[in-house]
Each structure stands twice: as C-alpha cells, then as structure tokens.
Protein backbone atom coordinates (compact mmCIF):
# COMPACT_ATOMS: atom_id res chain seq x y z
CA MET A 1 -14.43 20.05 5.76
CA THR A 2 -14.15 17.13 3.34
CA THR A 3 -11.94 14.21 3.51
CA TYR A 4 -10.38 12.33 0.53
CA ALA A 5 -8.42 8.64 1.13
CA VAL A 6 -5.81 8.39 -1.71
CA GLY A 7 -4.50 5.05 -2.61
CA ASP A 8 -0.72 3.97 -2.86
CA ILE A 9 0.93 7.03 -4.64
CA HIS A 10 4.42 5.32 -5.04
CA GLY A 11 6.23 8.68 -5.93
CA CYS A 12 3.92 8.99 -8.76
CA LEU A 13 3.91 12.94 -7.94
CA ASP A 14 2.18 13.67 -11.56
CA ALA A 15 -0.95 11.56 -10.86
CA LEU A 16 -1.03 13.12 -7.72
CA HIS A 17 -1.20 16.48 -8.51
CA ARG A 18 -3.68 15.42 -11.64
CA LEU A 19 -5.74 13.43 -9.11
CA LEU A 20 -6.29 16.82 -6.74
CA ALA A 21 -7.15 18.97 -9.57
CA LYS A 22 -9.71 16.36 -10.36
CA ILE A 23 -11.52 16.73 -7.20
CA ASP A 24 -10.48 20.36 -7.13
CA PHE A 25 -8.89 19.78 -3.95
CA LYS A 26 -8.16 23.19 -1.24
CA ARG A 27 -6.10 22.88 1.55
CA SER A 28 -8.17 25.35 3.16
CA ARG A 29 -11.59 23.15 3.48
CA ASP A 30 -10.19 19.42 2.29
CA LYS A 31 -8.31 16.90 4.24
CA LEU A 32 -6.08 14.04 2.42
CA TRP A 33 -5.75 10.34 4.34
CA LEU A 34 -3.02 8.61 2.47
CA VAL A 35 -2.56 4.71 2.95
CA GLY A 36 1.08 4.53 2.57
CA ASP A 37 3.39 3.25 0.41
CA LEU A 38 4.36 7.24 -0.55
CA VAL A 39 7.27 6.83 -2.14
CA ASN A 40 9.52 4.08 -4.35
CA ARG A 41 8.71 2.29 -7.69
CA GLY A 42 7.32 5.57 -8.99
CA THR A 43 9.41 8.28 -10.95
CA ASP A 44 9.57 11.12 -8.17
CA SER A 45 9.90 9.90 -4.78
CA LEU A 46 11.70 12.95 -4.16
CA ASP A 47 9.60 15.85 -4.99
CA THR A 48 6.61 13.75 -3.61
CA LEU A 49 7.67 13.70 0.01
CA ARG A 50 8.73 17.52 -0.37
CA PHE A 51 5.04 18.37 -1.65
CA LEU A 52 3.61 16.02 1.41
CA ILE A 53 5.64 17.95 3.84
CA ASP A 54 4.78 21.09 2.52
CA HIS A 55 0.99 20.51 3.11
CA ASP A 56 1.34 18.77 6.00
CA ASP A 57 -1.15 20.43 7.91
CA CYS A 58 -4.11 18.68 5.74
CA ILE A 59 -2.42 15.22 5.30
CA THR A 60 -2.90 11.98 7.36
CA ALA A 61 -0.84 9.35 6.39
CA VAL A 62 0.55 5.46 7.37
CA LEU A 63 3.51 3.85 6.69
CA GLY A 64 3.59 1.19 4.26
CA ASN A 65 6.21 -1.62 3.48
CA HIS A 66 8.05 0.87 0.77
CA ASP A 67 8.12 3.46 3.18
CA LEU A 68 9.54 1.18 5.96
CA HIS A 69 11.66 -0.50 3.15
CA VAL A 70 13.59 3.10 1.93
CA TRP A 71 13.70 3.76 5.83
CA GLY A 72 15.66 0.74 6.00
CA ARG A 73 17.94 1.79 3.12
CA ALA A 74 18.62 5.04 4.43
CA LEU A 75 20.08 3.22 7.62
CA GLY A 76 22.14 1.16 5.79
CA VAL A 77 20.52 -2.14 6.92
CA ARG A 78 18.75 -3.03 4.00
CA PRO A 79 19.84 -3.47 0.53
CA LYS A 80 18.80 -1.78 -2.59
CA LYS A 81 16.67 -3.67 -4.68
CA ARG A 82 16.30 -3.92 -8.45
CA ARG A 83 12.73 -1.58 -8.96
CA ASP A 84 14.07 0.57 -6.40
CA THR A 85 13.66 4.19 -7.41
CA VAL A 86 14.65 6.26 -4.66
CA ASP A 87 18.63 7.08 -5.01
CA ALA A 88 17.55 11.03 -5.92
CA LEU A 89 16.06 11.04 -2.52
CA LEU A 90 18.39 9.38 -0.57
CA ASP A 91 21.15 11.69 -2.08
CA ALA A 92 18.84 14.87 -1.52
CA LYS A 93 20.49 17.82 0.44
CA ASP A 94 17.31 17.55 2.63
CA VAL A 95 17.20 14.07 3.08
CA ASN A 96 17.47 14.15 6.99
CA GLU A 97 14.08 16.41 7.07
CA LEU A 98 12.47 14.35 4.41
CA LEU A 99 13.01 11.04 6.29
CA THR A 100 12.61 12.81 9.71
CA TRP A 101 8.72 13.75 8.42
CA LEU A 102 8.52 9.90 7.05
CA THR A 103 9.26 7.94 9.91
CA HIS A 104 7.18 9.80 12.10
CA ARG A 105 4.09 8.58 10.23
CA PRO A 106 2.03 6.01 12.13
CA LEU A 107 0.75 2.72 11.51
CA PHE A 108 -2.64 3.15 12.31
CA VAL A 109 -4.70 5.96 12.78
CA GLU A 110 -8.81 6.49 13.28
CA SER A 111 -11.66 9.35 13.52
CA GLU A 112 -14.97 8.77 14.73
CA SER A 113 -16.30 6.85 11.53
CA HIS A 114 -13.19 5.31 9.90
CA ALA A 115 -9.95 3.42 10.60
CA MET A 116 -6.44 3.58 8.17
CA VAL A 117 -3.80 1.26 8.14
CA HIS A 118 -1.70 0.17 5.07
CA ALA A 119 -2.42 -3.58 4.35
CA GLY A 120 -4.89 -4.52 7.05
CA LEU A 121 -5.60 -5.66 10.54
CA TRP A 122 -5.48 -9.37 12.19
CA PRO A 123 -9.29 -10.42 12.20
CA THR A 124 -9.64 -11.32 16.03
CA TRP A 125 -8.11 -7.53 17.00
CA SER A 126 -10.45 -4.88 18.51
CA PHE A 127 -9.36 -1.14 17.29
CA ASP A 128 -8.19 -1.15 21.15
CA ASP A 129 -5.89 -3.95 20.01
CA ALA A 130 -4.48 -2.31 16.95
CA ARG A 131 -4.17 0.72 18.40
CA GLY A 132 -1.86 -0.14 21.39
CA LEU A 133 -0.11 -2.68 18.81
CA ALA A 134 0.85 -0.09 16.23
CA THR A 135 2.22 1.70 19.53
CA ILE A 136 4.49 -0.61 20.16
CA ALA A 137 5.82 -1.14 16.86
CA GLN A 138 6.08 2.39 16.21
CA LYS A 139 8.52 3.07 19.48
CA ALA A 140 10.52 -0.01 18.81
CA LEU A 141 10.99 1.43 15.01
CA VAL A 142 12.49 4.59 16.55
CA SER A 143 14.40 3.20 19.48
CA SER A 144 17.96 1.39 19.40
CA ASP A 145 16.28 -1.37 18.14
CA GLY A 146 14.87 0.16 14.84
CA PRO A 147 18.16 -0.88 12.40
CA ALA A 148 17.76 -4.73 13.35
CA ILE A 149 13.88 -4.72 13.14
CA LEU A 150 14.06 -3.37 9.79
CA SER A 151 16.83 -5.18 8.80
CA ASP A 152 14.79 -8.36 8.98
CA TYR A 153 11.54 -6.52 7.97
CA GLY A 154 9.21 -8.72 6.15
CA ASN A 155 10.67 -11.95 7.47
CA PRO A 156 8.10 -14.78 6.47
CA THR A 157 8.57 -16.52 9.49
CA PHE A 158 6.24 -13.97 11.33
CA ASP A 159 3.28 -15.23 9.60
CA ARG A 160 0.89 -15.73 12.77
CA TRP A 161 -0.66 -13.65 15.62
CA HIS A 162 -1.22 -14.95 19.10
CA ASN A 163 -1.19 -12.77 22.34
CA GLU A 164 1.73 -14.99 23.39
CA ILE A 165 4.84 -13.44 20.96
CA THR A 166 7.03 -11.17 22.82
CA GLY A 167 9.84 -8.79 21.86
CA THR A 168 11.44 -8.54 17.96
CA ALA A 169 8.86 -11.30 17.27
CA ARG A 170 6.05 -9.48 18.33
CA VAL A 171 6.99 -5.99 16.67
CA GLN A 172 8.04 -8.26 13.23
CA THR A 173 4.67 -9.59 13.29
CA ILE A 174 2.81 -6.29 13.77
CA LEU A 175 4.77 -4.90 11.03
CA ASN A 176 3.73 -7.60 8.88
CA ILE A 177 0.04 -7.57 9.27
CA MET A 178 -0.23 -3.80 9.24
CA THR A 179 2.01 -2.99 6.01
CA GLY A 180 2.33 -6.94 4.40
CA MET A 181 -1.08 -8.74 4.70
CA ARG A 182 -3.30 -9.81 2.13
CA ALA A 183 -4.73 -13.07 2.84
CA ILE A 184 -4.92 -15.75 5.58
CA GLY A 185 -5.22 -19.62 5.28
CA VAL A 186 -7.30 -21.95 6.66
CA ASP A 187 -4.44 -22.74 9.28
CA GLY A 188 -4.41 -19.21 10.44
CA ARG A 189 -1.28 -18.10 8.92
CA MET A 190 -0.92 -14.94 6.61
CA LEU A 191 0.06 -15.76 2.96
CA ILE A 192 3.07 -13.11 2.87
CA ASP A 193 3.67 -13.83 -0.96
CA ALA A 194 0.21 -13.50 -1.84
CA LYS A 195 0.14 -10.71 -4.53
CA GLY A 196 -2.18 -11.80 -7.04
CA SER A 197 -6.01 -11.09 -7.75
CA ARG A 198 -8.27 -12.73 -5.36
CA ASN A 199 -9.11 -15.29 -7.71
CA ALA A 200 -5.46 -16.12 -7.55
CA LEU A 201 -5.40 -17.17 -3.81
CA PRO A 202 -5.50 -21.00 -2.81
CA ALA A 203 -8.65 -22.66 -2.36
CA ASP A 204 -8.09 -22.28 1.55
CA ALA A 205 -7.17 -18.89 1.63
CA ARG A 206 -9.20 -15.67 2.15
CA PRO A 207 -8.78 -12.07 1.98
CA TRP A 208 -7.60 -11.03 5.60
CA PHE A 209 -11.17 -8.78 5.63
CA ASP A 210 -13.37 -11.91 4.89
CA VAL A 211 -11.68 -14.62 7.41
CA PRO A 212 -14.53 -15.68 9.53
CA SER A 213 -13.44 -14.63 12.65
CA CYS A 214 -13.48 -11.09 11.87
CA ARG A 215 -14.40 -8.82 14.51
CA THR A 216 -17.67 -6.62 13.38
CA GLN A 217 -16.33 -3.18 13.55
CA ASP A 218 -18.56 -0.09 13.45
CA THR A 219 -15.57 2.05 12.01
CA VAL A 220 -14.70 1.75 8.32
CA ILE A 221 -11.10 0.17 7.56
CA ILE A 222 -9.27 2.09 4.73
CA ALA A 223 -6.14 -0.22 3.39
CA GLY A 224 -4.05 0.00 0.44
CA HIS A 225 -1.38 -2.19 -0.54
CA TRP A 226 -3.15 -4.77 -2.91
CA ALA A 227 -2.94 -3.46 -6.41
CA ALA A 228 -4.00 -6.83 -7.99
CA LEU A 229 -7.36 -6.85 -5.91
CA GLY A 230 -8.50 -3.52 -7.10
CA ILE A 231 -10.53 -1.65 -5.89
CA TYR A 232 -13.05 -2.89 -2.90
CA VAL A 233 -15.30 -1.47 -1.13
CA ASP A 234 -18.14 -2.69 1.13
CA GLU A 235 -19.95 -1.62 4.45
CA ARG A 236 -16.60 -2.77 6.18
CA VAL A 237 -13.50 -1.84 4.24
CA MET A 238 -12.39 0.24 1.62
CA ILE A 239 -9.44 -1.42 -0.31
CA ILE A 240 -7.91 1.46 -2.45
CA ASP A 241 -4.69 0.37 -4.21
CA SER A 242 -5.59 1.04 -7.86
CA GLY A 243 -2.51 0.33 -9.24
CA CYS A 244 -1.07 3.69 -10.22
CA VAL A 245 2.66 2.79 -10.21
CA TRP A 246 1.84 -0.83 -12.41
CA GLY A 247 0.37 1.97 -15.39
CA HIS A 248 -3.33 1.63 -13.94
CA GLU A 249 -4.81 4.40 -11.73
CA LEU A 250 -4.41 6.52 -8.55
CA THR A 251 -8.04 6.61 -6.92
CA ALA A 252 -9.61 8.81 -4.08
CA ILE A 253 -12.75 8.27 -2.51
CA ARG A 254 -14.66 11.12 -0.76
CA LEU A 255 -15.19 9.73 2.73
CA GLU A 256 -18.67 11.42 3.45
CA ASP A 257 -20.50 10.00 0.29
CA ARG A 258 -18.04 7.26 -1.06
CA LYS A 259 -17.84 8.80 -4.56
CA ARG A 260 -14.81 7.72 -6.06
CA PHE A 261 -12.26 9.85 -8.68
CA SER A 262 -9.29 8.13 -10.49
CA VAL A 263 -6.92 9.23 -12.92
CA SER A 264 -4.81 7.53 -15.51
CA PHE A 265 -0.86 6.62 -14.86
CA THR A 266 0.59 8.36 -17.76
C-alpha cells in the first residue's frame, strides 16, 4: 500500500485528475491523504466532492477553513464572500449527502509515522493534546452550538492558546489553530492575517513549526493552508499547499520515500 499526501484542492478537479494520472493512482493499492480546503475558490467544488465520496474507501481528509466556511453557508450562518464558488454545490439535489460527508471529516488524523492537520498544531501540544482537542471541537461543531460557532468562525480575538480557555472560546481557538494558523509572534499570539511569504512575516514572528518551544515529535506533521510559503519539507513537517487555485500547482508527496509529484493549474 502506497500513501500520497495531496495539497489544498479547492475544487480544482481537473488538476486532481491529472495529478492522479501522473502518479498512476490505483484505488486498490493506493491511499490519499488530503490536507483540507477540498472545496471553494476553484471551478468545480460540486463534482470534486462527488468524486471524493465515490473514492471514500481510499481517502483520508481533514477539514480546512474553506470547508468550514461552506458548512456555515449551508447552515445560513455565514455570508457569501466575493470569491466563493460554491453556489452549484449548495444548490445541488444531493447537497445534503455531499455536506454530510464533508462535515464528518476530522480536524486531525495520524498514523504510526505521520499526522495531518489543515494549518498547524500549537507548538506546546503533544499529539495526545491535539487528538483530544480536535475531538472537543468536532463534537461542538455537530452539536446545537455548531451554527453559532461557525457564524463566528475565524474571529481574530481567539489568537492564543492556554489551557484555561473554556467553552466556545476554547473551540474557536482550537479551530483557529488547526485550520487558520500560519505564524506566531514573540508575544505568543497567532498572526491570523499573515498570508504572505515567510520573508514577509514581521521580524518578531516565526512559522508555527519554527517556534523554539515546539515539542519534538517522532511523527511527521503534514499540513497545507500556506500557499505563499510554497512546498516546505524537513524532518518534522511537510507543508504542501503549492497554490493550485492561484494558478500554480497541485502537489502530492509519496510518504514512503518523499518523492514529489506536481501538475500545473490550467
């Protein structure tokens, strides 16, 4: 069995098909790990979800910030944004089936050698912490509190982790970390609006995975979300959003040997 980690798809189904052809993907022998942002901004979110559901037996995917936004739109608690491209999805006859599958994706997954989250993990968290906190947030999202949480999702007020946070603030902070975080300042706060390249970060900020207090993990963390960073791979992390929806590339990395495969956006 071979496993490929794939960067943010954003509804770019044609690029996904070409990438799978390039790696000679066979669902009987291969697995896909998808880092989230499965839908929105690209041209074909509807058929992307249909394709992923059809291949559910060989796909492991986590929720990204765009997936949460679309979930909120379907619930009527988030406004349409100028760059949203999910009207066809939300108007589809099978929208309930599609969104049921999407909203049951986890925020964090792990194997013996790798873990995956859309954006990042707080530097002081262990994997036990991440697993437990992801479960807390997921349960809250599908509870009666879910609409209120999604309506306020991404609130920059929730920009720093500490164990004493409780209630909705705890859930919002977990979501901001796992689906929105890129960098952390010296004051220990997330830079929620940091979207540029690594060199564009303020002098007193670092990527979340370079914070000195980051706990050493034997398991490699796979994430996406940071297209402007480009592909970044070291012994601890694989950041693999290569910006397909922005006209760049969609990338897969074969986890067994870290070989990289990419196709250009067309």
